[in-house]
């Protein structure tokens, strides 16, 4: 068993590293996760939002493209397919629902992009991959929630579309610590690099210094 564990660690502990041109992707940091009393409320997401505030500010100083996502459905819910059948609560996420709005701590700027999505991955059924490719982006700085759902799905698709996926661990959150940590482990093992926020901040500061 110890040999198997050693071999596993040797296979799945590599790092892809940062590229030359990043984008900051903020996945589903919406009021539903930070509002006490909301069915989706998650204190760890509140913390992750707070940790992302200065990261967003630094990304803007570095002239890094910023993309937000949120889950939005038509009033009929038909565009949610099986997903809203599995999780009927999601049908509340329509235009005009305050819980579906991006959190006030991270207000989008005029030049930021907001992508409305209907499924877990920020790539599925959206123009994200084409947009990043056209911008010459090679690195996704991935923040948001939930770690076990939309963040993981986006990390998998990001890697499969040929992007370096970097997850600052303090800037993602989930409703429960067990799936949070398990999925960070899996993301780091196979789909991207899970790093300390300070490492991402240092990377952005170097971009600013390099002009």
N, C-alpha and C. Protein backbone atom coordinates (compact mmCIF):
# COMPACT_ATOMS: atom_id res chain seq x y z
N UNK A 1 0.83 -1.21 0.00
CA UNK A 1 0.00 0.00 0.00
C UNK A 1 0.86 1.25 0.00
N UNK A 2 1.96 1.24 0.77
CA UNK A 2 2.82 2.43 0.80
C UNK A 2 3.47 2.67 -0.56
N UNK A 3 3.86 1.57 -1.27
CA UNK A 3 4.44 1.75 -2.59
C UNK A 3 3.43 2.34 -3.56
N UNK A 4 2.17 1.87 -3.47
CA UNK A 4 1.12 2.40 -4.33
C UNK A 4 0.91 3.87 -4.07
N UNK A 5 0.92 4.25 -2.78
CA UNK A 5 0.74 5.65 -2.42
C UNK A 5 1.89 6.49 -2.97
N UNK A 6 3.11 5.96 -2.84
CA UNK A 6 4.27 6.68 -3.34
C UNK A 6 4.19 6.86 -4.85
N UNK A 7 3.80 5.80 -5.57
CA UNK A 7 3.69 5.89 -7.01
C UNK A 7 2.61 6.88 -7.42
N UNK A 8 1.48 6.87 -6.69
CA UNK A 8 0.39 7.80 -6.99
C UNK A 8 0.86 9.23 -6.83
N UNK A 9 1.56 9.52 -5.74
CA UNK A 9 2.05 10.87 -5.50
C UNK A 9 3.03 11.28 -6.60
N UNK A 10 3.84 10.34 -7.06
CA UNK A 10 4.81 10.68 -8.10
C UNK A 10 4.15 11.02 -9.42
N UNK A 11 3.01 10.42 -9.70
CA UNK A 11 2.30 10.65 -10.96
C UNK A 11 1.48 11.93 -10.92
N UNK A 12 0.86 12.20 -9.78
CA UNK A 12 -0.15 13.25 -9.70
C UNK A 12 0.25 14.47 -8.87
N UNK A 13 1.55 14.75 -8.77
CA UNK A 13 1.94 15.94 -8.00
C UNK A 13 2.70 16.95 -8.85
N UNK A 14 2.53 16.88 -10.16
CA UNK A 14 3.21 17.83 -11.04
C UNK A 14 2.52 19.19 -11.05
N UNK A 15 3.25 20.20 -11.58
CA UNK A 15 2.69 21.54 -11.71
C UNK A 15 2.80 22.01 -13.15
N UNK A 16 1.79 22.71 -13.61
CA UNK A 16 1.79 23.25 -14.97
C UNK A 16 2.39 24.65 -15.00
N UNK A 17 2.21 25.41 -13.93
CA UNK A 17 2.80 26.73 -13.83
C UNK A 17 2.01 27.82 -14.55
N UNK A 18 2.41 29.05 -14.33
CA UNK A 18 1.77 30.20 -14.96
C UNK A 18 2.26 30.37 -16.38
N UNK A 19 1.38 30.91 -17.21
CA UNK A 19 1.76 31.26 -18.57
C UNK A 19 2.13 32.74 -18.67
N UNK A 20 2.01 33.26 -19.89
CA UNK A 20 2.41 34.64 -20.13
C UNK A 20 1.25 35.64 -20.12
N UNK A 21 0.04 35.15 -20.43
CA UNK A 21 -1.09 36.08 -20.49
C UNK A 21 -2.29 35.47 -19.77
N UNK A 22 -2.63 35.99 -18.59
CA UNK A 22 -3.74 35.43 -17.81
C UNK A 22 -5.05 36.19 -18.02
N UNK A 23 -6.11 35.54 -17.61
CA UNK A 23 -7.41 36.18 -17.41
C UNK A 23 -7.90 35.76 -16.03
N UNK A 24 -8.61 36.66 -15.37
CA UNK A 24 -9.21 36.34 -14.08
C UNK A 24 -10.66 35.93 -14.32
N UNK A 25 -11.00 34.73 -13.91
CA UNK A 25 -12.34 34.20 -14.08
C UNK A 25 -12.99 34.04 -12.71
N UNK A 26 -14.09 34.75 -12.48
CA UNK A 26 -14.79 34.75 -11.20
C UNK A 26 -16.12 34.04 -11.40
N UNK A 27 -16.20 32.83 -10.90
CA UNK A 27 -17.33 31.94 -11.20
C UNK A 27 -18.40 32.01 -10.11
N UNK A 28 -19.54 32.54 -10.46
CA UNK A 28 -20.78 32.44 -9.65
C UNK A 28 -20.67 32.98 -8.24
N UNK A 29 -19.87 34.01 -8.04
CA UNK A 29 -19.92 34.70 -6.75
C UNK A 29 -21.16 35.59 -6.77
N UNK A 30 -22.29 35.00 -6.40
CA UNK A 30 -23.57 35.69 -6.42
C UNK A 30 -24.14 35.75 -5.01
N UNK A 31 -25.14 36.61 -4.84
CA UNK A 31 -25.69 36.84 -3.50
C UNK A 31 -26.26 35.59 -2.85
N UNK A 32 -26.70 34.64 -3.64
CA UNK A 32 -27.30 33.43 -3.08
C UNK A 32 -26.37 32.71 -2.11
N UNK A 33 -25.05 32.85 -2.32
CA UNK A 33 -24.09 32.12 -1.49
C UNK A 33 -23.64 32.91 -0.26
N UNK A 34 -23.92 34.20 -0.24
CA UNK A 34 -23.40 35.01 0.88
C UNK A 34 -24.51 35.64 1.72
N UNK A 35 -25.77 35.36 1.39
CA UNK A 35 -26.90 35.95 2.09
C UNK A 35 -27.44 34.99 3.14
N UNK A 36 -27.29 35.31 4.44
CA UNK A 36 -27.84 34.43 5.47
C UNK A 36 -29.34 34.19 5.23
N UNK A 37 -29.75 32.95 5.39
CA UNK A 37 -31.13 32.58 5.15
C UNK A 37 -31.38 32.05 3.75
N UNK A 38 -30.47 32.32 2.82
CA UNK A 38 -30.59 31.76 1.48
C UNK A 38 -30.35 30.26 1.53
N UNK A 39 -31.08 29.46 0.74
CA UNK A 39 -30.85 28.00 0.74
C UNK A 39 -29.44 27.62 0.31
N UNK A 40 -28.76 28.51 -0.39
CA UNK A 40 -27.40 28.22 -0.85
C UNK A 40 -26.32 28.87 0.02
N UNK A 41 -26.72 29.53 1.09
CA UNK A 41 -25.76 30.26 1.92
C UNK A 41 -24.62 29.37 2.38
N UNK A 42 -23.39 29.88 2.24
CA UNK A 42 -22.21 29.12 2.63
C UNK A 42 -21.18 30.07 3.24
N UNK A 43 -20.96 30.00 4.55
CA UNK A 43 -20.00 30.91 5.19
C UNK A 43 -18.61 30.88 4.55
N UNK A 44 -18.18 29.71 4.07
CA UNK A 44 -16.86 29.64 3.44
C UNK A 44 -16.80 30.43 2.14
N UNK A 45 -17.94 30.56 1.47
CA UNK A 45 -17.98 31.37 0.26
C UNK A 45 -17.87 32.85 0.62
N UNK A 46 -18.48 33.24 1.74
CA UNK A 46 -18.34 34.62 2.22
C UNK A 46 -16.85 34.96 2.39
N UNK A 47 -16.11 34.04 2.99
CA UNK A 47 -14.67 34.24 3.18
C UNK A 47 -13.94 34.30 1.85
N UNK A 48 -14.30 33.41 0.92
CA UNK A 48 -13.63 33.39 -0.38
C UNK A 48 -13.88 34.68 -1.15
N UNK A 49 -15.09 35.22 -1.05
CA UNK A 49 -15.40 36.50 -1.69
C UNK A 49 -14.49 37.60 -1.14
N UNK A 50 -14.38 37.66 0.18
CA UNK A 50 -13.54 38.67 0.81
C UNK A 50 -12.08 38.55 0.38
N UNK A 51 -11.61 37.30 0.22
CA UNK A 51 -10.23 37.08 -0.20
C UNK A 51 -9.99 37.48 -1.65
N UNK A 52 -11.05 37.55 -2.43
CA UNK A 52 -10.91 37.83 -3.85
C UNK A 52 -10.89 39.33 -4.15
N UNK A 53 -11.29 40.15 -3.18
CA UNK A 53 -11.41 41.59 -3.42
C UNK A 53 -10.08 42.20 -3.85
N UNK A 54 -9.01 41.96 -3.10
CA UNK A 54 -7.73 42.57 -3.48
C UNK A 54 -7.10 41.89 -4.68
N UNK A 55 -7.43 40.60 -4.90
CA UNK A 55 -6.95 39.92 -6.10
C UNK A 55 -7.55 40.56 -7.35
N UNK A 56 -8.84 40.85 -7.30
CA UNK A 56 -9.50 41.52 -8.41
C UNK A 56 -8.90 42.90 -8.66
N UNK A 57 -8.65 43.64 -7.60
CA UNK A 57 -8.06 44.97 -7.74
C UNK A 57 -6.69 44.91 -8.39
N UNK A 58 -5.88 43.94 -7.97
CA UNK A 58 -4.54 43.80 -8.54
C UNK A 58 -4.61 43.35 -9.99
N UNK A 59 -5.56 42.47 -10.32
CA UNK A 59 -5.70 42.03 -11.70
C UNK A 59 -6.04 43.20 -12.61
N UNK A 60 -6.88 44.10 -12.12
CA UNK A 60 -7.22 45.27 -12.92
C UNK A 60 -6.00 46.18 -13.11
N UNK A 61 -5.20 46.33 -12.07
CA UNK A 61 -3.98 47.12 -12.19
C UNK A 61 -3.02 46.52 -13.21
N UNK A 62 -3.06 45.19 -13.33
CA UNK A 62 -2.19 44.50 -14.27
C UNK A 62 -2.80 44.42 -15.67
N UNK A 63 -3.97 45.05 -15.86
CA UNK A 63 -4.67 45.06 -17.16
C UNK A 63 -5.01 43.65 -17.63
N UNK A 64 -5.35 42.80 -16.66
CA UNK A 64 -5.75 41.43 -16.96
C UNK A 64 -7.25 41.41 -17.28
N UNK A 65 -7.68 40.73 -18.33
CA UNK A 65 -9.11 40.61 -18.60
C UNK A 65 -9.83 39.96 -17.42
N UNK A 66 -11.00 40.48 -17.08
CA UNK A 66 -11.79 39.96 -15.97
C UNK A 66 -13.13 39.48 -16.51
N UNK A 67 -13.45 38.23 -16.19
CA UNK A 67 -14.71 37.64 -16.64
C UNK A 67 -15.47 37.12 -15.43
N UNK A 68 -16.71 37.53 -15.30
CA UNK A 68 -17.61 37.01 -14.28
C UNK A 68 -18.59 36.02 -14.92
N UNK A 69 -19.02 35.04 -14.15
CA UNK A 69 -20.15 34.22 -14.58
C UNK A 69 -21.22 34.22 -13.51
N UNK A 70 -22.44 34.00 -13.95
CA UNK A 70 -23.55 33.76 -13.04
C UNK A 70 -24.51 32.82 -13.74
N UNK A 71 -25.30 32.11 -12.95
CA UNK A 71 -26.30 31.18 -13.49
C UNK A 71 -27.62 31.93 -13.63
N UNK A 72 -28.13 31.99 -14.85
CA UNK A 72 -29.39 32.69 -15.13
C UNK A 72 -30.24 31.83 -16.07
N UNK A 73 -31.53 31.72 -15.72
CA UNK A 73 -32.47 30.95 -16.55
C UNK A 73 -33.62 31.83 -17.01
N UNK A 74 -34.28 31.37 -18.05
CA UNK A 74 -35.53 32.00 -18.46
C UNK A 74 -36.60 31.70 -17.41
N UNK A 75 -37.68 32.46 -17.44
CA UNK A 75 -38.76 32.25 -16.47
C UNK A 75 -39.33 30.84 -16.58
N UNK A 76 -39.32 30.28 -17.77
CA UNK A 76 -39.87 28.94 -17.97
C UNK A 76 -38.96 27.86 -17.40
N UNK A 77 -37.66 28.15 -17.31
CA UNK A 77 -36.70 27.15 -16.88
C UNK A 77 -36.36 26.13 -17.93
N UNK A 78 -36.90 26.29 -19.14
CA UNK A 78 -36.65 25.30 -20.18
C UNK A 78 -35.18 25.23 -20.57
N UNK A 79 -34.47 26.36 -20.47
CA UNK A 79 -33.05 26.36 -20.83
C UNK A 79 -32.18 25.70 -19.77
N UNK A 80 -32.78 25.29 -18.66
CA UNK A 80 -32.03 24.59 -17.63
C UNK A 80 -32.02 23.08 -17.79
N UNK A 81 -32.86 22.58 -18.70
CA UNK A 81 -32.85 21.15 -18.99
C UNK A 81 -32.93 20.27 -17.76
N UNK A 82 -32.12 19.24 -17.75
CA UNK A 82 -32.10 18.26 -16.66
C UNK A 82 -31.54 18.88 -15.38
N UNK A 83 -30.67 19.88 -15.53
CA UNK A 83 -30.03 20.47 -14.35
C UNK A 83 -31.06 21.04 -13.39
N UNK A 84 -32.04 21.79 -13.90
CA UNK A 84 -33.03 22.37 -13.01
C UNK A 84 -34.05 21.33 -12.53
N UNK A 85 -34.12 20.21 -13.24
CA UNK A 85 -34.95 19.12 -12.73
C UNK A 85 -34.26 18.45 -11.54
N UNK A 86 -32.97 18.33 -11.63
CA UNK A 86 -32.20 17.74 -10.54
C UNK A 86 -32.13 18.68 -9.34
N UNK A 87 -31.97 19.98 -9.60
CA UNK A 87 -31.87 20.98 -8.53
C UNK A 87 -32.92 22.07 -8.79
N UNK A 88 -34.18 21.83 -8.44
CA UNK A 88 -35.25 22.79 -8.75
C UNK A 88 -35.02 24.19 -8.20
N UNK A 89 -34.26 24.30 -7.12
CA UNK A 89 -33.97 25.61 -6.55
C UNK A 89 -33.35 26.56 -7.58
N UNK A 90 -32.62 26.00 -8.52
CA UNK A 90 -31.94 26.83 -9.51
C UNK A 90 -32.91 27.66 -10.35
N UNK A 91 -34.14 27.23 -10.44
CA UNK A 91 -35.11 27.97 -11.25
C UNK A 91 -35.39 29.35 -10.70
N UNK A 92 -34.99 29.59 -9.45
CA UNK A 92 -35.12 30.94 -8.89
C UNK A 92 -34.13 31.91 -9.52
N UNK A 93 -33.09 31.40 -10.16
CA UNK A 93 -32.04 32.25 -10.70
C UNK A 93 -32.47 32.83 -12.05
N UNK A 94 -33.26 33.88 -11.97
CA UNK A 94 -33.75 34.57 -13.17
C UNK A 94 -33.40 36.05 -13.05
N UNK A 95 -33.47 36.76 -14.18
CA UNK A 95 -33.22 38.19 -14.15
C UNK A 95 -34.21 38.87 -13.19
N UNK A 96 -33.68 39.76 -12.37
CA UNK A 96 -34.51 40.45 -11.39
C UNK A 96 -34.51 39.82 -10.02
N UNK A 97 -34.00 38.60 -9.89
CA UNK A 97 -33.89 37.94 -8.59
C UNK A 97 -32.60 38.43 -7.92
N UNK A 98 -32.70 39.12 -6.77
CA UNK A 98 -31.49 39.65 -6.13
C UNK A 98 -30.46 38.59 -5.79
N UNK A 99 -30.90 37.37 -5.47
CA UNK A 99 -29.95 36.32 -5.12
C UNK A 99 -29.08 35.92 -6.30
N UNK A 100 -29.53 36.22 -7.51
CA UNK A 100 -28.77 35.86 -8.71
C UNK A 100 -27.76 36.93 -9.11
N UNK A 101 -27.77 38.05 -8.41
CA UNK A 101 -26.87 39.14 -8.75
C UNK A 101 -25.45 38.88 -8.24
N UNK A 102 -24.47 39.41 -8.96
CA UNK A 102 -23.08 39.32 -8.53
C UNK A 102 -22.90 40.07 -7.21
N UNK A 103 -22.10 39.53 -6.32
CA UNK A 103 -21.95 40.11 -4.98
C UNK A 103 -21.45 41.55 -5.05
N UNK A 104 -21.93 42.41 -4.17
CA UNK A 104 -21.53 43.82 -4.22
C UNK A 104 -20.07 44.05 -3.88
N UNK A 105 -19.44 43.10 -3.21
CA UNK A 105 -18.02 43.25 -2.87
C UNK A 105 -17.12 43.20 -4.11
N UNK A 106 -17.66 42.63 -5.20
CA UNK A 106 -16.87 42.45 -6.42
C UNK A 106 -17.64 43.03 -7.61
N UNK A 107 -17.85 44.33 -7.62
CA UNK A 107 -18.66 44.92 -8.68
C UNK A 107 -17.95 44.88 -10.03
N UNK A 108 -18.59 44.36 -11.05
CA UNK A 108 -17.96 44.37 -12.39
C UNK A 108 -17.73 45.79 -12.88
N UNK A 109 -16.61 45.99 -13.54
CA UNK A 109 -16.31 47.27 -14.18
C UNK A 109 -16.89 47.28 -15.59
N UNK A 110 -16.91 48.45 -16.20
CA UNK A 110 -17.52 48.58 -17.53
C UNK A 110 -16.85 47.69 -18.56
N UNK A 111 -15.54 47.48 -18.43
CA UNK A 111 -14.82 46.68 -19.41
C UNK A 111 -14.81 45.19 -19.09
N UNK A 112 -15.34 44.80 -17.94
CA UNK A 112 -15.40 43.38 -17.60
C UNK A 112 -16.49 42.69 -18.42
N UNK A 113 -16.36 41.39 -18.54
CA UNK A 113 -17.34 40.59 -19.25
C UNK A 113 -18.15 39.79 -18.24
N UNK A 114 -19.47 39.78 -18.40
CA UNK A 114 -20.34 38.95 -17.57
C UNK A 114 -20.98 37.89 -18.48
N UNK A 115 -20.74 36.64 -18.16
CA UNK A 115 -21.29 35.53 -18.92
C UNK A 115 -22.42 34.89 -18.14
N UNK A 116 -23.59 34.82 -18.74
CA UNK A 116 -24.70 34.07 -18.15
C UNK A 116 -24.60 32.62 -18.62
N UNK A 117 -24.61 31.70 -17.69
CA UNK A 117 -24.52 30.29 -18.04
C UNK A 117 -25.68 29.52 -17.42
N UNK A 118 -25.93 28.34 -17.95
CA UNK A 118 -27.03 27.53 -17.45
C UNK A 118 -26.57 26.22 -16.81
N UNK A 119 -25.31 25.91 -16.95
CA UNK A 119 -24.79 24.65 -16.41
C UNK A 119 -23.53 24.91 -15.60
N UNK A 120 -22.92 23.85 -15.12
CA UNK A 120 -21.83 24.01 -14.16
C UNK A 120 -20.61 24.69 -14.75
N UNK A 121 -20.11 24.21 -15.85
CA UNK A 121 -18.88 24.75 -16.41
C UNK A 121 -19.11 26.12 -17.03
N UNK A 122 -18.17 27.02 -16.82
CA UNK A 122 -18.23 28.34 -17.46
C UNK A 122 -18.01 28.25 -18.96
N UNK A 123 -17.55 27.10 -19.44
CA UNK A 123 -17.30 26.90 -20.86
C UNK A 123 -18.50 26.32 -21.60
N UNK A 124 -19.35 25.57 -20.89
CA UNK A 124 -20.39 24.81 -21.58
C UNK A 124 -21.48 25.74 -22.12
N UNK A 125 -21.63 25.76 -23.45
CA UNK A 125 -22.66 26.57 -24.07
C UNK A 125 -22.43 28.07 -23.99
N UNK A 126 -21.18 28.49 -23.80
CA UNK A 126 -20.86 29.92 -23.68
C UNK A 126 -19.72 30.27 -24.65
N UNK A 127 -19.47 31.56 -24.88
CA UNK A 127 -18.37 31.96 -25.77
C UNK A 127 -17.02 32.06 -25.08
N UNK A 128 -16.89 31.53 -23.87
CA UNK A 128 -15.68 31.77 -23.08
C UNK A 128 -14.42 31.30 -23.78
N UNK A 129 -14.39 30.06 -24.29
CA UNK A 129 -13.17 29.53 -24.89
C UNK A 129 -12.76 30.36 -26.10
N UNK A 130 -13.72 30.71 -26.95
CA UNK A 130 -13.39 31.51 -28.14
C UNK A 130 -12.87 32.88 -27.74
N UNK A 131 -13.47 33.48 -26.72
CA UNK A 131 -13.05 34.81 -26.28
C UNK A 131 -11.62 34.78 -25.74
N UNK A 132 -11.32 33.81 -24.87
CA UNK A 132 -9.98 33.72 -24.30
C UNK A 132 -8.94 33.46 -25.38
N UNK A 133 -9.28 32.59 -26.33
CA UNK A 133 -8.36 32.28 -27.42
C UNK A 133 -8.09 33.52 -28.26
N UNK A 134 -9.13 34.28 -28.57
CA UNK A 134 -8.95 35.47 -29.39
C UNK A 134 -8.11 36.53 -28.70
N UNK A 135 -8.14 36.52 -27.36
CA UNK A 135 -7.35 37.47 -26.58
C UNK A 135 -5.90 37.01 -26.39
N UNK A 136 -5.60 35.79 -26.80
CA UNK A 136 -4.27 35.24 -26.60
C UNK A 136 -4.00 34.78 -25.18
N UNK A 137 -5.05 34.58 -24.41
CA UNK A 137 -4.91 34.14 -23.01
C UNK A 137 -4.43 32.69 -22.97
N UNK A 138 -3.47 32.42 -22.11
CA UNK A 138 -3.02 31.04 -21.92
C UNK A 138 -3.21 30.54 -20.49
N UNK A 139 -3.59 31.44 -19.58
CA UNK A 139 -3.69 31.09 -18.16
C UNK A 139 -5.00 31.61 -17.59
N UNK A 140 -5.74 30.74 -16.91
CA UNK A 140 -6.96 31.14 -16.22
C UNK A 140 -6.70 31.17 -14.73
N UNK A 141 -6.88 32.34 -14.12
CA UNK A 141 -6.85 32.45 -12.66
C UNK A 141 -8.28 32.25 -12.20
N UNK A 142 -8.55 31.08 -11.64
CA UNK A 142 -9.92 30.63 -11.40
C UNK A 142 -10.33 30.81 -9.95
N UNK A 143 -11.34 31.65 -9.73
CA UNK A 143 -11.90 31.87 -8.41
C UNK A 143 -13.39 31.60 -8.47
N UNK A 144 -14.05 31.49 -7.30
CA UNK A 144 -15.50 31.36 -7.30
C UNK A 144 -16.03 30.22 -6.47
N UNK A 145 -17.24 29.80 -6.81
CA UNK A 145 -17.90 28.74 -6.07
C UNK A 145 -18.87 27.98 -6.99
N UNK A 146 -19.26 26.78 -6.61
CA UNK A 146 -18.68 26.06 -5.50
C UNK A 146 -17.53 25.19 -5.99
N UNK A 147 -16.60 24.93 -5.10
CA UNK A 147 -15.40 24.18 -5.48
C UNK A 147 -15.75 22.83 -6.09
N UNK A 148 -16.73 22.16 -5.52
CA UNK A 148 -17.09 20.82 -5.98
C UNK A 148 -18.00 20.81 -7.19
N UNK A 149 -18.52 21.98 -7.57
CA UNK A 149 -19.45 22.05 -8.68
C UNK A 149 -18.91 22.85 -9.84
N UNK A 150 -19.25 24.13 -9.88
CA UNK A 150 -18.91 24.96 -11.03
C UNK A 150 -17.42 25.23 -11.15
N UNK A 151 -16.71 25.33 -10.04
CA UNK A 151 -15.26 25.55 -10.11
C UNK A 151 -14.57 24.33 -10.67
N UNK A 152 -14.91 23.16 -10.16
CA UNK A 152 -14.28 21.94 -10.68
C UNK A 152 -14.60 21.73 -12.15
N UNK A 153 -15.87 21.89 -12.51
CA UNK A 153 -16.27 21.68 -13.91
C UNK A 153 -15.54 22.65 -14.83
N UNK A 154 -15.37 23.89 -14.38
CA UNK A 154 -14.66 24.88 -15.18
C UNK A 154 -13.18 24.56 -15.27
N UNK A 155 -12.60 24.06 -14.19
CA UNK A 155 -11.19 23.67 -14.21
C UNK A 155 -10.95 22.54 -15.20
N UNK A 156 -11.83 21.55 -15.19
CA UNK A 156 -11.69 20.42 -16.12
C UNK A 156 -11.79 20.91 -17.56
N UNK A 157 -12.82 21.69 -17.85
CA UNK A 157 -12.99 22.19 -19.22
C UNK A 157 -11.89 23.16 -19.62
N UNK A 158 -11.41 23.96 -18.66
CA UNK A 158 -10.31 24.87 -18.97
C UNK A 158 -9.09 24.11 -19.43
N UNK A 159 -8.72 23.07 -18.71
CA UNK A 159 -7.59 22.24 -19.10
C UNK A 159 -7.85 21.60 -20.46
N UNK A 160 -9.07 21.10 -20.67
CA UNK A 160 -9.38 20.40 -21.92
C UNK A 160 -9.41 21.35 -23.12
N UNK A 161 -9.59 22.65 -22.87
CA UNK A 161 -9.52 23.63 -23.95
C UNK A 161 -8.10 24.17 -24.13
N UNK A 162 -7.15 23.66 -23.36
CA UNK A 162 -5.75 24.02 -23.57
C UNK A 162 -5.24 25.19 -22.75
N UNK A 163 -5.97 25.54 -21.68
CA UNK A 163 -5.54 26.65 -20.81
C UNK A 163 -4.86 26.13 -19.55
N UNK A 164 -3.90 26.89 -19.06
CA UNK A 164 -3.31 26.62 -17.75
C UNK A 164 -4.30 27.13 -16.69
N UNK A 165 -4.72 26.25 -15.82
CA UNK A 165 -5.71 26.61 -14.80
C UNK A 165 -5.00 26.76 -13.45
N UNK A 166 -5.09 27.95 -12.88
CA UNK A 166 -4.48 28.24 -11.59
C UNK A 166 -5.59 28.62 -10.61
N UNK A 167 -5.68 27.91 -9.49
CA UNK A 167 -6.72 28.15 -8.50
C UNK A 167 -6.09 28.65 -7.21
N UNK A 168 -6.27 29.92 -6.86
CA UNK A 168 -5.83 30.39 -5.54
C UNK A 168 -6.78 29.85 -4.47
N UNK A 169 -6.29 28.97 -3.62
CA UNK A 169 -7.17 28.20 -2.75
C UNK A 169 -8.01 29.05 -1.81
N UNK A 170 -7.52 30.21 -1.42
CA UNK A 170 -8.31 31.06 -0.51
C UNK A 170 -9.49 31.72 -1.22
N UNK A 171 -9.50 31.69 -2.54
CA UNK A 171 -10.50 32.43 -3.33
C UNK A 171 -11.56 31.53 -3.94
N UNK A 172 -11.71 30.32 -3.43
CA UNK A 172 -12.80 29.44 -3.83
C UNK A 172 -13.46 28.89 -2.56
N UNK A 173 -14.73 28.57 -2.66
CA UNK A 173 -15.44 28.09 -1.48
C UNK A 173 -16.55 27.13 -1.83
N UNK A 174 -17.03 26.43 -0.81
CA UNK A 174 -18.09 25.42 -0.98
C UNK A 174 -18.97 25.44 0.25
N UNK A 175 -20.04 24.66 0.19
CA UNK A 175 -20.99 24.61 1.31
C UNK A 175 -20.50 23.74 2.45
N UNK A 176 -19.53 22.87 2.19
CA UNK A 176 -19.03 21.96 3.22
C UNK A 176 -17.54 21.75 2.99
N UNK A 177 -16.74 21.68 4.06
CA UNK A 177 -15.29 21.56 3.87
C UNK A 177 -14.84 20.26 3.21
N UNK A 178 -15.58 19.15 3.42
CA UNK A 178 -15.13 17.88 2.85
C UNK A 178 -15.09 17.89 1.33
N UNK A 179 -16.19 18.22 0.64
CA UNK A 179 -16.09 18.29 -0.83
C UNK A 179 -15.16 19.39 -1.30
N UNK A 180 -15.06 20.46 -0.54
CA UNK A 180 -14.15 21.55 -0.89
C UNK A 180 -12.72 21.03 -0.99
N UNK A 181 -12.26 20.39 0.08
CA UNK A 181 -10.87 19.93 0.11
C UNK A 181 -10.65 18.77 -0.85
N UNK A 182 -11.63 17.87 -0.98
CA UNK A 182 -11.48 16.73 -1.89
C UNK A 182 -11.35 17.21 -3.33
N UNK A 183 -12.12 18.22 -3.69
CA UNK A 183 -12.06 18.69 -5.07
C UNK A 183 -10.84 19.55 -5.34
N UNK A 184 -10.37 20.29 -4.35
CA UNK A 184 -9.09 20.97 -4.53
C UNK A 184 -7.98 19.96 -4.76
N UNK A 185 -8.03 18.85 -4.05
CA UNK A 185 -7.05 17.79 -4.23
C UNK A 185 -7.10 17.26 -5.66
N UNK A 186 -8.31 17.00 -6.16
CA UNK A 186 -8.45 16.45 -7.51
C UNK A 186 -8.03 17.46 -8.57
N UNK A 187 -8.42 18.72 -8.40
CA UNK A 187 -8.04 19.74 -9.37
C UNK A 187 -6.52 19.83 -9.45
N UNK A 188 -5.86 19.87 -8.30
CA UNK A 188 -4.41 19.99 -8.29
C UNK A 188 -3.74 18.74 -8.85
N UNK A 189 -4.36 17.59 -8.64
CA UNK A 189 -3.77 16.34 -9.11
C UNK A 189 -3.80 16.20 -10.62
N UNK A 190 -4.89 16.71 -11.25
CA UNK A 190 -5.10 16.36 -12.66
C UNK A 190 -5.42 17.51 -13.60
N UNK A 191 -5.94 18.62 -13.10
CA UNK A 191 -6.50 19.61 -14.02
C UNK A 191 -5.83 20.98 -13.98
N UNK A 192 -5.12 21.29 -12.93
CA UNK A 192 -4.49 22.60 -12.82
C UNK A 192 -3.62 22.65 -11.58
N UNK A 193 -3.23 23.86 -11.21
CA UNK A 193 -2.43 24.06 -10.01
C UNK A 193 -3.27 24.78 -8.95
N UNK A 194 -3.37 24.21 -7.77
CA UNK A 194 -4.00 24.87 -6.63
C UNK A 194 -2.87 25.46 -5.80
N UNK A 195 -2.86 26.78 -5.68
CA UNK A 195 -1.74 27.47 -5.04
C UNK A 195 -2.24 28.44 -3.99
N UNK A 196 -1.33 28.95 -3.21
CA UNK A 196 -1.67 29.99 -2.25
C UNK A 196 -1.98 31.29 -2.99
N UNK A 197 -2.91 32.04 -2.46
CA UNK A 197 -3.28 33.32 -3.07
C UNK A 197 -2.07 34.22 -3.25
N UNK A 198 -1.17 34.23 -2.28
CA UNK A 198 0.00 35.08 -2.36
C UNK A 198 0.85 34.81 -3.59
N UNK A 199 0.86 33.56 -4.05
CA UNK A 199 1.64 33.23 -5.24
C UNK A 199 1.02 33.88 -6.48
N UNK A 200 -0.31 33.89 -6.54
CA UNK A 200 -1.00 34.53 -7.66
C UNK A 200 -0.80 36.04 -7.60
N UNK A 201 -0.87 36.61 -6.40
CA UNK A 201 -0.64 38.05 -6.26
C UNK A 201 0.77 38.42 -6.72
N UNK A 202 1.74 37.60 -6.37
CA UNK A 202 3.11 37.86 -6.80
C UNK A 202 3.25 37.79 -8.31
N UNK A 203 2.57 36.84 -8.92
CA UNK A 203 2.58 36.71 -10.38
C UNK A 203 2.02 37.97 -11.04
N UNK A 204 0.91 38.48 -10.51
CA UNK A 204 0.31 39.70 -11.07
C UNK A 204 1.20 40.90 -10.84
N UNK A 205 1.83 40.98 -9.69
CA UNK A 205 2.75 42.09 -9.42
C UNK A 205 3.92 42.09 -10.38
N UNK A 206 4.40 40.90 -10.73
CA UNK A 206 5.49 40.81 -11.69
C UNK A 206 5.03 41.27 -13.08
N UNK A 207 3.79 40.97 -13.43
CA UNK A 207 3.27 41.45 -14.71
C UNK A 207 3.25 42.97 -14.76
N UNK A 208 2.85 43.57 -13.63
CA UNK A 208 2.83 45.04 -13.56
C UNK A 208 4.25 45.59 -13.69
N UNK A 209 5.18 44.97 -12.97
CA UNK A 209 6.57 45.44 -13.00
C UNK A 209 7.19 45.32 -14.39
N UNK A 210 6.79 44.28 -15.12
CA UNK A 210 7.33 44.05 -16.46
C UNK A 210 6.69 44.96 -17.49
N UNK A 211 5.61 45.67 -17.06
CA UNK A 211 4.97 46.61 -17.96
C UNK A 211 4.13 45.95 -19.00
